[in-house]
Amino acid sequence: MNRRSVATTLTGVIVLMTLAPAASAQDRRVVTQPTTPAPPYCQVLHANLPKLSPTAFVPPRAFDDSVENSPPDTNRINQAILQCSQSVAATGFTPPAVVELATGGDNVSFLAGPIVMQSGVTLLIDPGVTLYASRNANEYYNGAGGAPSTCGTLDTSSSGCKNWITINSGSSRRAKNISFIGPGTIDGRGDAVITFTDGTGSGKNQTLACAPSCTWWDLAHQAELAGLNQNNPRMMQLSDVDNTLIYRINLRNSPKFHVAAQRANGFTVWGVSVYAPEGLSRNSDAFDPNGADWTITQSYISVDDDDVAIKGGTVLSSGAPSAQFMTIAHNHFYSGHGMSIGSETNAGVSDILVNDLTIDGADNGLRIKSDRSRGGIVQRVNYNDVCMRNIDRRNVGGGALLFSAYYTPNAVGSLFPDYRDVRVHNVHNLTPSNQFFVGYDATHPLNIQLDNVILDDQDPARIFASDTVATLGPGPVNFTPAGTNVTVFNAITQPDEPPVDCGNRFVPFVAAGIACDANGDGAIDHNDIAAMASAIGYSVFPGDPRDPDGDGVVTGRDIAACARQCARGACVP
């Protein structure tokens, strides 16, 4: 085995072997393949609403007005969660009790306002079943002391909405053992027209260009134009929790961030598919980790903001880094802002491993972003075995390698970004883009090692560097950062080491689903067959719906097997 490679075995357990000096830079747990719990379940809730279109902006995306004005499933889902949590309280919330969202005849949809998860509960969403978020802004009322709600409007503050799915926890009252399992779907309906049922709707947002039919995502766009904040709910805000699992589920179309966390320890994301449309869903981050011991693996992510953004802004009383010991391994990213750390790093980020990642078509590739208003120490960050292409294809000023202490150029403050011991190994970018190696100043430089990093067709004029100490090698590096206060140590001893082979690495996007259900809608039809055909010859993760025979490669045999499962005529376009 090459001494700098990462050997991975995914046979139920992730086994990660990294460079010896950075062996601690990863999740400290031994993370095994999750399983879907078997019945009997604590409670089974059956859907009472019909199917909507699964695609943003493709109607129908709303139910009848009477249903939308009073979401029918909020109370019964919350009551089931609470009752099931109470049923396992005496055993320390172990094993978790399951609340299943199941079909009800031809009905496959649930509609709910804010949902509060409780310790010891697994929310299990069956294949083809979708939990939809209410589009009624008043459901997310967050006005304190009787103050008017600003949810669904623009404001100088962004705290006007409750978030959609939260946890019953607090900084002195942590929750534990909470799971979200599919392969059904959670859909935030960021494309849905915002409604108000408190009698004030006609007076809100009437001056905006999107009036009178502003969607949550319209609001986000208008906020950017106006220099204000959109008051939109996040899909999930998971805070002060231990042992959380998100497994084999589809997350779609959040009005704001899909999954954000604070002080969340022991967090596993496995086999999750996240999607929000590019260019239309501002601030739709997929995962914003914070806490300790995270693993995000075998997931497909395509959004309009950060695919992953590790946040280090929550100050801990222990003084420990805000975000530490995280593994992001064996994933595919598509549109979005790439694999990010920041912008909040003031409370520290450390011991991060990013391994076996493809990024195809994102605005950025590998990125650390912060500035003097929110900067801090970022250290022991290891990137390994990364393939990228079509980075910054929208020409928004991004880069495949973007390490910058000037995320907001005119920021003020004394929280200076300090990037230490950043290691980039075995990285290959196939298409030209910008590159940024920008520390804060000579006292707070970017300290980075580049080892077998190859940028194809790279224009040297598009490499921007300052206040950086870079060590090249021992593997080849086909560029040299240069600029003000840039020091480069050439330690290349293996110049003939081949670049990372990215052939057949860029696997097409897929939903989480049962075998053959490549779009995750619970039915096997010509759309699934077409999706499988586009992936022929690609190696895929275990359990991928396009690989029903489980040999790890999508083949004609898989397509033939799935075609035999189609309902009569369903495989005819």
Protein backbone atom coordinates (compact mmCIF):
# COMPACT_ATOMS: atom_id res chain seq x y z
CA MET A 1 0.00 0.00 0.00
CA ASN A 2 1.27 3.49 -0.81
CA ARG A 3 2.37 5.03 2.46
CA ARG A 4 0.20 8.11 1.92
CA SER A 5 -2.94 6.36 0.78
CA VAL A 6 -6.02 5.74 2.87
CA ALA A 7 -7.13 2.14 2.91
CA THR A 8 -10.85 1.79 3.44
CA THR A 9 -12.96 -1.24 4.08
CA LEU A 10 -16.72 -0.84 4.17
CA THR A 11 -17.96 -4.20 5.36
CA GLY A 12 -20.14 -2.93 8.14
CA VAL A 13 -17.35 -0.97 9.82
CA ILE A 14 -15.49 2.07 8.53
CA VAL A 15 -11.78 1.37 8.97
CA LEU A 16 -9.72 4.50 8.33
CA MET A 17 -5.94 4.44 8.30
CA THR A 18 -4.42 7.89 7.84
CA LEU A 19 -0.97 9.35 7.97
CA ALA A 20 0.56 8.50 11.33
CA PRO A 21 1.05 12.14 12.45
CA ALA A 22 -2.65 12.82 11.91
CA ALA A 23 -4.18 9.51 12.99
CA SER A 24 -6.42 11.26 15.53
CA ALA A 25 -7.87 13.59 12.89
CA GLN A 26 -11.14 11.74 12.46
CA ASP A 27 -14.22 10.49 14.29
CA ARG A 28 -12.97 8.60 17.34
CA ARG A 29 -15.84 6.12 17.26
CA VAL A 30 -15.91 2.86 15.35
CA VAL A 31 -18.89 3.54 13.11
CA THR A 32 -20.75 0.52 11.77
CA GLN A 33 -23.38 0.17 9.06
CA PRO A 34 -26.73 1.17 10.59
CA THR A 35 -29.77 -1.08 10.25
CA THR A 36 -33.45 -0.34 9.91
CA PRO A 37 -35.31 -1.46 13.05
CA ALA A 38 -37.74 -4.34 12.64
CA PRO A 39 -41.35 -4.25 13.85
CA PRO A 40 -43.28 -4.20 16.08
CA TYR A 41 -43.06 -0.43 16.39
CA CYS A 42 -44.18 1.84 19.20
CA GLN A 43 -46.68 3.67 16.98
CA VAL A 44 -47.64 3.49 13.30
CA LEU A 45 -49.25 6.56 11.73
CA HIS A 46 -50.96 6.19 8.35
CA ALA A 47 -50.99 8.91 5.71
CA ASN A 48 -54.28 10.69 5.02
CA LEU A 49 -53.12 12.97 2.20
CA PRO A 50 -52.55 12.28 -1.51
CA LYS A 51 -49.28 12.33 -3.37
CA LEU A 52 -47.78 15.64 -4.47
CA SER A 53 -45.15 16.21 -7.13
CA PRO A 54 -41.72 15.36 -5.69
CA THR A 55 -40.04 18.03 -7.83
CA ALA A 56 -39.78 21.67 -6.78
CA PHE A 57 -41.86 24.05 -8.92
CA VAL A 58 -43.58 21.15 -10.72
CA PRO A 59 -47.25 21.12 -9.67
CA PRO A 60 -49.03 19.98 -7.67
CA ARG A 61 -46.85 21.11 -4.76
CA ALA A 62 -49.66 22.10 -2.37
CA PHE A 63 -52.75 20.57 -0.82
CA ASP A 64 -56.21 22.11 -0.64
CA ASP A 65 -56.34 25.46 1.18
CA SER A 66 -58.27 24.02 4.11
CA VAL A 67 -55.51 21.47 4.66
CA GLU A 68 -52.70 23.95 4.19
CA ASN A 69 -54.26 26.43 6.64
CA SER A 70 -54.37 23.84 9.40
CA PRO A 71 -51.73 21.12 8.89
CA PRO A 72 -53.46 17.93 10.07
CA ASP A 73 -50.44 15.91 11.16
CA THR A 74 -48.55 18.25 13.50
CA ASN A 75 -50.25 17.17 16.71
CA ARG A 76 -50.47 13.47 16.03
CA ILE A 77 -46.81 13.18 15.05
CA ASN A 78 -45.69 15.17 18.11
CA GLN A 79 -47.96 13.18 20.43
CA ALA A 80 -46.67 9.89 19.07
CA ILE A 81 -43.05 11.03 19.50
CA LEU A 82 -43.67 12.13 23.09
CA GLN A 83 -45.55 8.98 24.07
CA CYS A 84 -42.92 6.73 22.56
CA SER A 85 -40.12 8.62 24.30
CA GLN A 86 -41.90 8.19 27.62
CA SER A 87 -42.24 4.46 26.94
CA VAL A 88 -38.45 3.98 26.91
CA ALA A 89 -37.49 6.55 29.55
CA ALA A 90 -37.14 3.88 32.23
CA THR A 91 -34.52 2.03 30.16
CA GLY A 92 -32.42 5.13 29.50
CA PHE A 93 -34.03 5.66 26.09
CA THR A 94 -32.40 2.48 24.82
CA PRO A 95 -33.28 0.89 22.48
CA PRO A 96 -35.11 3.75 20.77
CA ALA A 97 -38.85 3.46 20.20
CA VAL A 98 -39.99 3.75 16.59
CA VAL A 99 -42.68 6.06 15.21
CA GLU A 100 -43.44 4.86 11.69
CA LEU A 101 -44.97 7.08 9.00
CA ALA A 102 -46.70 4.63 6.66
CA THR A 103 -48.96 4.73 3.64
CA GLY A 104 -52.71 4.80 4.12
CA GLY A 105 -54.15 3.06 1.08
CA ASP A 106 -53.29 5.33 -1.84
CA ASN A 107 -52.38 8.19 0.49
CA VAL A 108 -48.66 8.75 0.95
CA SER A 109 -48.28 12.27 2.38
CA PHE A 110 -48.07 13.92 5.81
CA LEU A 111 -48.26 17.68 6.38
CA ALA A 112 -46.98 19.20 9.61
CA GLY A 113 -45.81 22.36 11.26
CA PRO A 114 -43.02 22.30 13.87
CA ILE A 115 -42.03 18.84 15.09
CA VAL A 116 -40.15 18.30 18.36
CA MET A 117 -38.09 15.12 18.59
CA GLN A 118 -37.62 13.52 21.99
CA SER A 119 -34.91 11.31 23.45
CA GLY A 120 -35.05 7.68 22.48
CA VAL A 121 -37.21 8.05 19.36
CA THR A 122 -36.62 6.92 15.79
CA LEU A 123 -38.76 8.56 13.11
CA LEU A 124 -39.08 5.92 10.37
CA ILE A 125 -40.48 7.09 7.02
CA ASP A 126 -41.52 4.28 4.70
CA PRO A 127 -40.62 4.04 0.98
CA GLY A 128 -42.71 6.41 -1.12
CA VAL A 129 -43.97 8.31 1.94
CA THR A 130 -43.20 12.03 2.25
CA LEU A 131 -43.37 14.30 5.27
CA TYR A 132 -44.03 17.85 4.02
CA ALA A 133 -43.41 21.09 5.88
CA SER A 134 -46.23 23.56 6.34
CA ARG A 135 -45.95 26.69 4.21
CA ASN A 136 -48.00 28.68 6.73
CA ALA A 137 -45.55 31.14 8.31
CA ASN A 138 -47.70 31.48 11.41
CA GLU A 139 -47.07 27.83 12.25
CA TYR A 140 -43.46 28.85 12.96
CA TYR A 141 -44.30 31.90 15.10
CA ASN A 142 -41.32 32.83 17.23
CA GLY A 143 -42.37 36.18 18.62
CA ALA A 144 -41.22 36.63 22.22
CA GLY A 145 -43.42 38.39 24.75
CA GLY A 146 -46.27 38.85 22.33
CA ALA A 147 -44.13 40.60 19.73
CA PRO A 148 -45.35 40.36 16.15
CA SER A 149 -43.97 37.43 14.22
CA THR A 150 -41.53 38.26 11.44
CA CYS A 151 -41.48 34.69 10.11
CA GLY A 152 -41.95 34.72 6.37
CA THR A 153 -40.67 38.30 6.00
CA LEU A 154 -37.42 40.23 5.64
CA ASP A 155 -35.80 41.76 8.72
CA THR A 156 -32.46 42.83 10.12
CA SER A 157 -32.64 39.69 12.28
CA SER A 158 -32.99 36.12 11.01
CA SER A 159 -34.53 34.66 14.19
CA GLY A 160 -38.21 35.22 13.42
CA CYS A 161 -39.10 31.57 12.78
CA LYS A 162 -39.06 28.44 14.83
CA ASN A 163 -37.23 25.75 12.93
CA TRP A 164 -39.27 22.90 11.52
CA ILE A 165 -37.76 19.83 13.20
CA THR A 166 -36.02 20.41 16.52
CA ILE A 167 -35.10 18.47 19.65
CA ASN A 168 -36.43 18.81 23.18
CA SER A 169 -33.06 19.63 24.72
CA GLY A 170 -30.99 22.43 26.18
CA SER A 171 -27.42 23.25 27.15
CA SER A 172 -28.00 21.74 30.62
CA ARG A 173 -30.49 19.10 29.48
CA ARG A 174 -29.07 17.05 26.64
CA ALA A 175 -31.15 14.67 24.55
CA LYS A 176 -29.89 11.33 23.24
CA ASN A 177 -30.55 8.42 20.90
CA ILE A 178 -32.53 10.15 18.15
CA SER A 179 -32.78 8.81 14.59
CA PHE A 180 -34.30 9.65 11.22
CA ILE A 181 -34.52 6.62 8.94
CA GLY A 182 -35.98 6.20 5.45
CA PRO A 183 -35.99 5.48 2.62
CA GLY A 184 -38.91 7.91 2.54
CA THR A 185 -38.57 11.68 2.13
CA ILE A 186 -38.64 14.84 4.23
CA ASP A 187 -39.54 17.80 2.00
CA GLY A 188 -39.26 21.38 3.30
CA ARG A 189 -41.04 22.89 0.27
CA GLY A 190 -38.81 25.92 -0.07
CA ASP A 191 -40.51 26.45 -3.43
CA ALA A 192 -43.95 26.78 -1.80
CA VAL A 193 -45.79 30.10 -1.70
CA ILE A 194 -45.76 31.41 1.89
CA THR A 195 -49.17 31.81 3.47
CA PHE A 196 -50.30 33.66 6.59
CA THR A 197 -53.44 32.73 8.51
CA ASP A 198 -53.34 35.42 11.21
CA GLY A 199 -55.12 37.99 9.08
CA THR A 200 -51.98 40.00 8.30
CA GLY A 201 -50.91 38.25 5.14
CA SER A 202 -52.07 40.93 2.72
CA GLY A 203 -49.83 43.48 4.44
CA LYS A 204 -46.67 41.43 4.40
CA ASN A 205 -44.10 41.33 1.60
CA GLN A 206 -46.35 43.46 -0.63
CA THR A 207 -43.43 45.67 -1.71
CA LEU A 208 -41.24 42.77 -2.78
CA ALA A 209 -40.77 41.89 -6.43
CA CYS A 210 -42.14 38.39 -5.76
CA ALA A 211 -45.45 39.66 -4.30
CA PRO A 212 -48.12 38.49 -3.97
CA SER A 213 -46.80 34.94 -4.31
CA CYS A 214 -43.43 34.89 -2.56
CA THR A 215 -41.95 31.49 -1.84
CA TRP A 216 -39.45 30.83 0.95
CA TRP A 217 -36.68 30.81 -1.65
CA ASP A 218 -37.96 34.05 -3.22
CA LEU A 219 -37.65 35.59 0.22
CA ALA A 220 -34.04 34.43 0.46
CA HIS A 221 -33.25 36.03 -2.90
CA GLN A 222 -34.96 39.29 -1.97
CA ALA A 223 -33.01 39.36 1.30
CA GLU A 224 -29.75 39.16 -0.63
CA LEU A 225 -30.78 42.05 -2.87
CA ALA A 226 -31.91 44.19 0.07
CA GLY A 227 -29.01 43.45 2.40
CA LEU A 228 -31.41 41.98 4.95
CA ASN A 229 -32.15 38.53 6.36
CA GLN A 230 -34.89 36.15 5.33
CA ASN A 231 -36.90 34.70 8.21
CA ASN A 232 -37.21 31.12 7.01
CA PRO A 233 -37.33 27.92 9.05
CA ARG A 234 -34.48 25.45 8.86
CA MET A 235 -35.48 21.88 8.10
CA MET A 236 -33.64 20.47 11.14
CA GLN A 237 -31.93 22.24 14.01
CA LEU A 238 -30.42 19.49 16.15
CA SER A 239 -28.75 20.87 19.25
CA ASP A 240 -27.48 19.57 22.59
CA VAL A 241 -27.82 15.93 21.64
CA ASP A 242 -25.76 12.74 21.86
CA ASN A 243 -25.95 9.77 19.49
CA THR A 244 -27.92 10.96 16.48
CA LEU A 245 -28.45 9.00 13.26
CA ILE A 246 -29.72 10.11 9.85
CA TYR A 247 -29.83 7.03 7.68
CA ARG A 248 -30.88 6.16 4.15
CA ILE A 249 -33.38 8.98 3.76
CA ASN A 250 -34.12 11.76 1.26
CA LEU A 251 -33.93 15.39 2.38
CA ARG A 252 -35.40 17.80 -0.13
CA ASN A 253 -36.01 21.51 -0.72
CA SER A 254 -35.41 23.06 2.69
CA PRO A 255 -36.45 26.73 3.03
CA LYS A 256 -33.06 27.32 4.65
CA PHE A 257 -30.38 24.94 5.97
CA HIS A 258 -31.32 21.26 5.76
CA VAL A 259 -29.47 20.00 8.85
CA ALA A 260 -27.78 22.40 11.27
CA ALA A 261 -26.38 21.40 14.63
CA GLN A 262 -24.93 22.87 17.81
CA ARG A 263 -23.11 20.90 20.49
CA ALA A 264 -24.11 17.62 18.82
CA ASN A 265 -21.82 14.72 19.71
CA GLY A 266 -21.72 11.24 18.21
CA PHE A 267 -23.56 12.05 14.99
CA THR A 268 -23.81 9.67 12.02
CA VAL A 269 -25.08 10.49 8.52
CA TRP A 270 -25.09 7.39 6.32
CA GLY A 271 -26.53 6.86 2.84
CA VAL A 272 -28.47 10.14 2.75
CA SER A 273 -29.56 11.95 -0.43
CA VAL A 274 -29.94 15.73 -0.20
CA TYR A 275 -31.22 17.93 -3.00
CA ALA A 276 -32.26 21.55 -3.55
CA PRO A 277 -32.16 23.18 -7.00
CA GLU A 278 -29.06 25.12 -7.97
CA GLY A 279 -29.49 28.86 -8.41
CA LEU A 280 -32.94 28.88 -6.81
CA SER A 281 -32.48 27.82 -3.18
CA ARG A 282 -30.10 30.26 -1.47
CA ASN A 283 -28.76 29.18 1.94
CA SER A 284 -29.86 25.58 1.45
CA ASP A 285 -26.77 24.07 3.14
CA ALA A 286 -27.01 20.30 3.36
CA PHE A 287 -25.11 19.67 6.62
CA ASP A 288 -23.63 22.19 9.07
CA PRO A 289 -21.88 20.02 11.69
CA ASN A 290 -20.89 21.29 15.13
CA GLY A 291 -19.78 19.21 18.08
CA ALA A 292 -17.54 16.15 18.31
CA ASP A 293 -17.29 12.74 16.67
CA TRP A 294 -19.22 13.03 13.43
CA THR A 295 -19.24 10.73 10.43
CA ILE A 296 -20.88 11.67 7.12
CA THR A 297 -20.55 8.83 4.63
CA GLN A 298 -21.92 7.25 1.46
CA SER A 299 -24.15 10.25 0.75
CA TYR A 300 -25.14 12.19 -2.36
CA ILE A 301 -25.45 15.96 -1.95
CA SER A 302 -26.57 18.60 -4.46
CA VAL A 303 -27.73 21.97 -3.09
CA ASP A 304 -27.34 25.73 -3.68
CA ASP A 305 -25.00 26.48 -0.77
CA ASP A 306 -22.48 24.52 1.29
CA ASP A 307 -22.66 20.79 0.72
CA VAL A 308 -21.00 20.42 4.11
CA ALA A 309 -19.91 23.39 6.26
CA ILE A 310 -18.24 22.53 9.56
CA LYS A 311 -19.08 25.33 12.01
CA GLY A 312 -16.78 26.35 14.84
CA GLY A 313 -18.64 29.28 16.34
CA THR A 314 -20.24 27.77 19.46
CA VAL A 315 -18.06 28.48 22.49
CA LEU A 316 -17.85 25.55 24.91
CA SER A 317 -17.40 26.04 28.65
CA SER A 318 -14.71 23.33 28.59
CA GLY A 319 -12.60 25.37 26.21
CA ALA A 320 -12.47 22.44 23.76
CA PRO A 321 -12.68 23.17 20.05
CA SER A 322 -16.25 23.81 18.96
CA ALA A 323 -16.01 21.27 16.14
CA GLN A 324 -13.60 18.36 16.34
CA PHE A 325 -12.99 14.73 15.42
CA MET A 326 -15.05 14.54 12.24
CA THR A 327 -14.86 12.16 9.29
CA ILE A 328 -16.41 13.02 5.93
CA ALA A 329 -15.64 9.95 3.82
CA HIS A 330 -16.93 8.19 0.69
CA ASN A 331 -19.31 10.88 -0.57
CA HIS A 332 -20.35 12.50 -3.85
CA PHE A 333 -21.02 16.26 -4.04
CA TYR A 334 -22.58 18.01 -7.05
CA SER A 335 -23.85 21.61 -7.15
CA GLY A 336 -23.27 23.72 -4.05
CA HIS A 337 -20.39 25.48 -2.38
CA GLY A 338 -18.32 22.38 -1.80
CA MET A 339 -16.63 20.92 1.28
CA SER A 340 -16.31 23.87 3.65
CA ILE A 341 -15.04 24.74 7.09
CA GLY A 342 -16.41 28.04 8.46
CA SER A 343 -17.19 30.77 8.20
CA GLU A 344 -17.52 30.71 12.01
CA THR A 345 -14.23 29.38 13.40
CA ASN A 346 -13.84 31.61 16.47
CA ALA A 347 -14.32 28.72 18.94
CA GLY A 348 -11.98 26.39 17.08
CA VAL A 349 -12.07 23.55 14.55
CA SER A 350 -9.70 20.61 14.77
CA ASP A 351 -9.02 17.02 13.76
CA ILE A 352 -10.99 16.76 10.52
CA LEU A 353 -10.61 14.04 7.90
CA VAL A 354 -12.07 14.37 4.41
CA ASN A 355 -11.47 11.20 2.43
CA ASP A 356 -12.64 9.66 -0.86
CA LEU A 357 -14.72 12.58 -2.13
CA THR A 358 -15.84 13.60 -5.61
CA ILE A 359 -17.04 17.13 -6.31
CA ASP A 360 -18.65 17.68 -9.70
CA GLY A 361 -19.94 21.11 -10.71
CA ALA A 362 -19.83 22.94 -7.38
CA ASP A 363 -18.88 26.60 -7.02
CA ASN A 364 -15.96 25.57 -4.79
CA GLY A 365 -14.07 22.42 -4.02
CA LEU A 366 -12.16 22.23 -0.74
CA ARG A 367 -12.67 25.43 1.22
CA ILE A 368 -11.77 26.97 4.57
CA LYS A 369 -13.44 30.36 4.96
CA SER A 370 -13.40 32.88 7.79
CA ASP A 371 -12.48 36.49 8.55
CA ARG A 372 -11.44 38.74 11.42
CA SER A 373 -15.01 39.09 12.72
CA ARG A 374 -15.37 35.35 13.44
CA GLY A 375 -11.97 33.73 12.98
CA GLY A 376 -10.07 31.33 15.19
CA ILE A 377 -7.75 28.32 15.11
CA VAL A 378 -8.38 25.67 12.46
CA GLN A 379 -5.89 22.82 12.80
CA ARG A 380 -5.14 19.22 11.89
CA VAL A 381 -7.31 19.15 8.78
CA ASN A 382 -6.57 16.32 6.35
CA TYR A 383 -7.91 15.99 2.80
CA ASN A 384 -7.16 12.77 0.94
CA ASP A 385 -8.23 11.06 -2.29
CA VAL A 386 -10.34 13.85 -3.78
CA CYS A 387 -11.41 14.16 -7.42
CA MET A 388 -12.92 17.41 -8.73
CA ARG A 389 -14.14 18.76 -12.03
CA ASN A 390 -16.22 21.65 -13.40
CA ILE A 391 -15.53 23.75 -10.31
CA ASP A 392 -16.85 27.32 -10.53
CA ARG A 393 -18.53 26.58 -13.86
CA ARG A 394 -20.94 29.45 -13.07
CA ASN A 395 -17.98 31.88 -12.82
CA VAL A 396 -18.88 33.21 -9.38
CA GLY A 397 -15.27 33.53 -8.25
CA GLY A 398 -14.87 30.20 -6.49
CA GLY A 399 -11.99 27.78 -6.63
CA ALA A 400 -11.10 24.12 -6.36
CA LEU A 401 -8.70 24.87 -3.50
CA LEU A 402 -9.97 27.89 -1.59
CA PHE A 403 -8.30 28.57 1.73
CA SER A 404 -8.94 32.20 2.67
CA ALA A 405 -8.90 34.31 5.82
CA TYR A 406 -10.84 37.06 4.02
CA TYR A 407 -14.30 35.58 3.56
CA THR A 408 -15.71 39.08 4.12
CA PRO A 409 -12.95 41.41 2.89
CA ASN A 410 -14.11 44.46 4.86
CA ALA A 411 -14.86 42.60 8.11
CA VAL A 412 -13.83 44.26 11.38
CA GLY A 413 -12.77 42.72 14.68
CA SER A 414 -9.84 40.99 16.32
CA LEU A 415 -10.81 37.33 15.89
CA PHE A 416 -8.09 36.58 13.40
CA PRO A 417 -8.28 33.36 11.35
CA ASP A 418 -5.35 31.04 12.07
CA TYR A 419 -5.11 27.98 9.77
CA ARG A 420 -2.56 25.47 11.04
CA ASP A 421 -1.49 22.05 9.82
CA VAL A 422 -3.75 21.79 6.77
CA ARG A 423 -2.76 18.76 4.69
CA VAL A 424 -3.90 18.15 1.13
CA HIS A 425 -2.96 14.70 -0.16
CA ASN A 426 -3.80 12.86 -3.36
CA VAL A 427 -6.04 15.50 -4.90
CA HIS A 428 -6.73 15.83 -8.63
CA ASN A 429 -8.68 18.68 -10.24
CA LEU A 430 -9.54 17.86 -13.86
CA THR A 431 -10.68 21.27 -15.13
CA PRO A 432 -9.10 24.71 -14.70
CA SER A 433 -10.32 27.05 -11.97
CA ASN A 434 -9.11 29.64 -9.49
CA GLN A 435 -6.99 28.60 -6.50
CA PHE A 436 -6.63 30.59 -3.27
CA PHE A 437 -3.97 30.25 -0.55
CA VAL A 438 -4.62 33.34 1.55
CA GLY A 439 -3.65 33.57 5.22
CA TYR A 440 -4.57 36.53 7.39
CA ASP A 441 -1.13 38.10 7.89
CA ALA A 442 2.48 37.16 8.57
CA THR A 443 1.59 36.37 12.20
CA HIS A 444 -1.41 34.25 11.23
CA PRO A 445 -0.33 32.56 8.00
CA LEU A 446 -1.96 29.64 6.24
CA ASN A 447 0.27 26.64 7.01
CA ILE A 448 -0.40 23.98 4.39
CA GLN A 449 1.16 20.82 2.97
CA LEU A 450 0.48 19.85 -0.65
CA ASP A 451 1.32 16.25 -1.52
CA ASN A 452 0.48 14.71 -4.91
CA VAL A 453 -1.83 17.59 -5.81
CA ILE A 454 -2.37 17.92 -9.54
CA LEU A 455 -4.35 20.72 -11.21
CA ASP A 456 -4.95 19.94 -14.88
CA ASP A 457 -4.59 22.81 -17.38
CA GLN A 458 -4.08 25.28 -14.54
CA ASP A 459 -3.37 28.91 -15.48
CA PRO A 460 -0.71 30.23 -13.05
CA ALA A 461 -2.35 33.66 -13.23
CA ARG A 462 -5.40 32.17 -11.51
CA ILE A 463 -3.47 31.10 -8.42
CA PHE A 464 -3.74 33.72 -5.68
CA ALA A 465 -1.52 33.47 -2.61
CA SER A 466 -0.42 35.61 0.32
CA ASP A 467 0.68 35.08 3.93
CA THR A 468 1.17 31.35 3.37
CA VAL A 469 3.76 28.77 4.36
CA ALA A 470 3.45 25.87 1.92
CA THR A 471 5.34 22.59 1.94
CA LEU A 472 5.32 20.67 -1.33
CA GLY A 473 5.76 16.90 -1.33
CA PRO A 474 6.81 14.24 -0.96
CA GLY A 475 4.52 13.51 -3.94
CA PRO A 476 4.40 15.78 -7.00
CA VAL A 477 2.73 19.18 -7.12
CA ASN A 478 2.43 20.77 -10.55
CA PHE A 479 2.14 24.39 -9.40
CA THR A 480 3.86 26.68 -6.90
CA PRO A 481 1.96 29.29 -4.87
CA ALA A 482 3.63 32.70 -5.04
CA GLY A 483 2.78 36.09 -3.61
CA THR A 484 3.32 38.48 -0.72
CA ASN A 485 4.70 36.77 2.40
CA VAL A 486 4.56 33.35 0.75
CA THR A 487 7.22 30.82 1.70
CA VAL A 488 7.46 27.52 -0.17
CA PHE A 489 9.49 24.51 0.95
CA ASN A 490 10.12 22.01 -1.82
CA ALA A 491 10.21 18.56 -0.23
CA ILE A 492 9.22 16.58 -3.31
CA THR A 493 11.03 13.24 -3.28
CA GLN A 494 8.62 11.18 -5.39
CA PRO A 495 8.03 13.34 -8.48
CA ASP A 496 6.94 10.40 -10.62
CA GLU A 497 4.07 9.32 -8.40
CA PRO A 498 0.97 9.21 -10.63
CA PRO A 499 -1.97 11.54 -9.97
CA VAL A 500 -5.14 10.21 -8.41
CA ASP A 501 -7.09 8.25 -11.03
CA CYS A 502 -10.48 9.96 -11.35
CA GLY A 503 -11.74 7.75 -14.16
CA ASN A 504 -15.26 6.52 -13.47
CA ARG A 505 -15.33 8.29 -10.11
CA PHE A 506 -18.05 10.84 -10.88
CA VAL A 507 -21.14 8.75 -10.14
CA PRO A 508 -24.53 10.26 -11.16
CA PHE A 509 -26.77 11.56 -8.35
CA VAL A 510 -29.32 9.15 -6.88
CA ALA A 511 -32.06 9.13 -4.26
CA ALA A 512 -32.21 6.86 -1.25
CA GLY A 513 -34.69 4.12 -2.02
CA ILE A 514 -35.56 0.47 -2.09
CA ALA A 515 -33.89 -1.69 -4.74
CA CYS A 516 -34.58 -0.35 -8.27
CA ASP A 517 -36.26 2.85 -6.99
CA ALA A 518 -33.53 5.26 -8.13
CA ASN A 519 -35.64 8.41 -7.69
CA GLY A 520 -36.99 7.42 -4.28
CA ASP A 521 -40.70 7.87 -5.05
CA GLY A 522 -41.67 4.37 -3.91
CA ALA A 523 -42.54 3.12 -7.41
CA ILE A 524 -40.40 1.38 -10.01
CA ASP A 525 -40.96 2.81 -13.48
CA HIS A 526 -39.24 4.12 -16.61
CA ASN A 527 -37.71 7.05 -14.69
CA ASP A 528 -35.81 4.61 -12.52
CA ILE A 529 -34.68 2.56 -15.51
CA ALA A 530 -33.39 5.73 -17.20
CA ALA A 531 -31.51 6.75 -14.05
CA MET A 532 -29.94 3.31 -13.87
CA ALA A 533 -28.92 3.41 -17.53
CA SER A 534 -27.02 6.66 -16.95
CA ALA A 535 -24.98 4.96 -14.22
CA ILE A 536 -23.97 1.78 -16.07
CA GLY A 537 -20.37 0.87 -15.32
CA TYR A 538 -20.03 2.99 -12.19
CA SER A 539 -19.02 1.57 -8.83
CA VAL A 540 -21.61 2.45 -6.19
CA PHE A 541 -22.00 2.19 -2.43
CA PRO A 542 -23.57 -0.86 -0.77
CA GLY A 543 -27.36 -0.62 -0.82
CA ASP A 544 -27.50 1.70 -3.83
CA PRO A 545 -30.95 1.20 -5.43
CA ARG A 546 -29.33 0.99 -8.88
CA ASP A 547 -27.42 -2.13 -7.88
CA PRO A 548 -30.05 -4.70 -6.88
CA ASP A 549 -27.68 -7.64 -7.21
CA GLY A 550 -25.30 -5.98 -4.75
CA ASP A 551 -22.06 -6.56 -6.65
CA GLY A 552 -21.01 -2.92 -6.29
CA VAL A 553 -21.33 -2.00 -9.99
CA VAL A 554 -24.36 -0.88 -12.01
CA THR A 555 -24.73 -3.25 -14.97
CA GLY A 556 -27.20 -4.31 -17.63
CA ARG A 557 -28.11 -7.21 -15.36
CA ASP A 558 -29.31 -4.75 -12.76
CA ILE A 559 -31.46 -2.94 -15.31
CA ALA A 560 -32.96 -6.19 -16.57
CA ALA A 561 -33.79 -7.27 -13.01
CA CYS A 562 -35.48 -3.95 -12.27
CA ALA A 563 -37.40 -3.91 -15.56
CA ARG A 564 -39.03 -7.17 -14.50
CA GLN A 565 -40.33 -5.43 -11.37
CA CYS A 566 -42.08 -2.60 -13.21
CA ALA A 567 -45.82 -2.42 -13.00
CA ARG A 568 -47.46 -3.20 -16.33
CA GLY A 569 -46.59 -0.44 -18.77
CA ALA A 570 -44.69 1.58 -16.19
CA CYS A 571 -41.35 1.05 -17.91
CA VAL A 572 -42.62 2.51 -21.19
CA PRO A 573 -41.75 6.26 -21.30
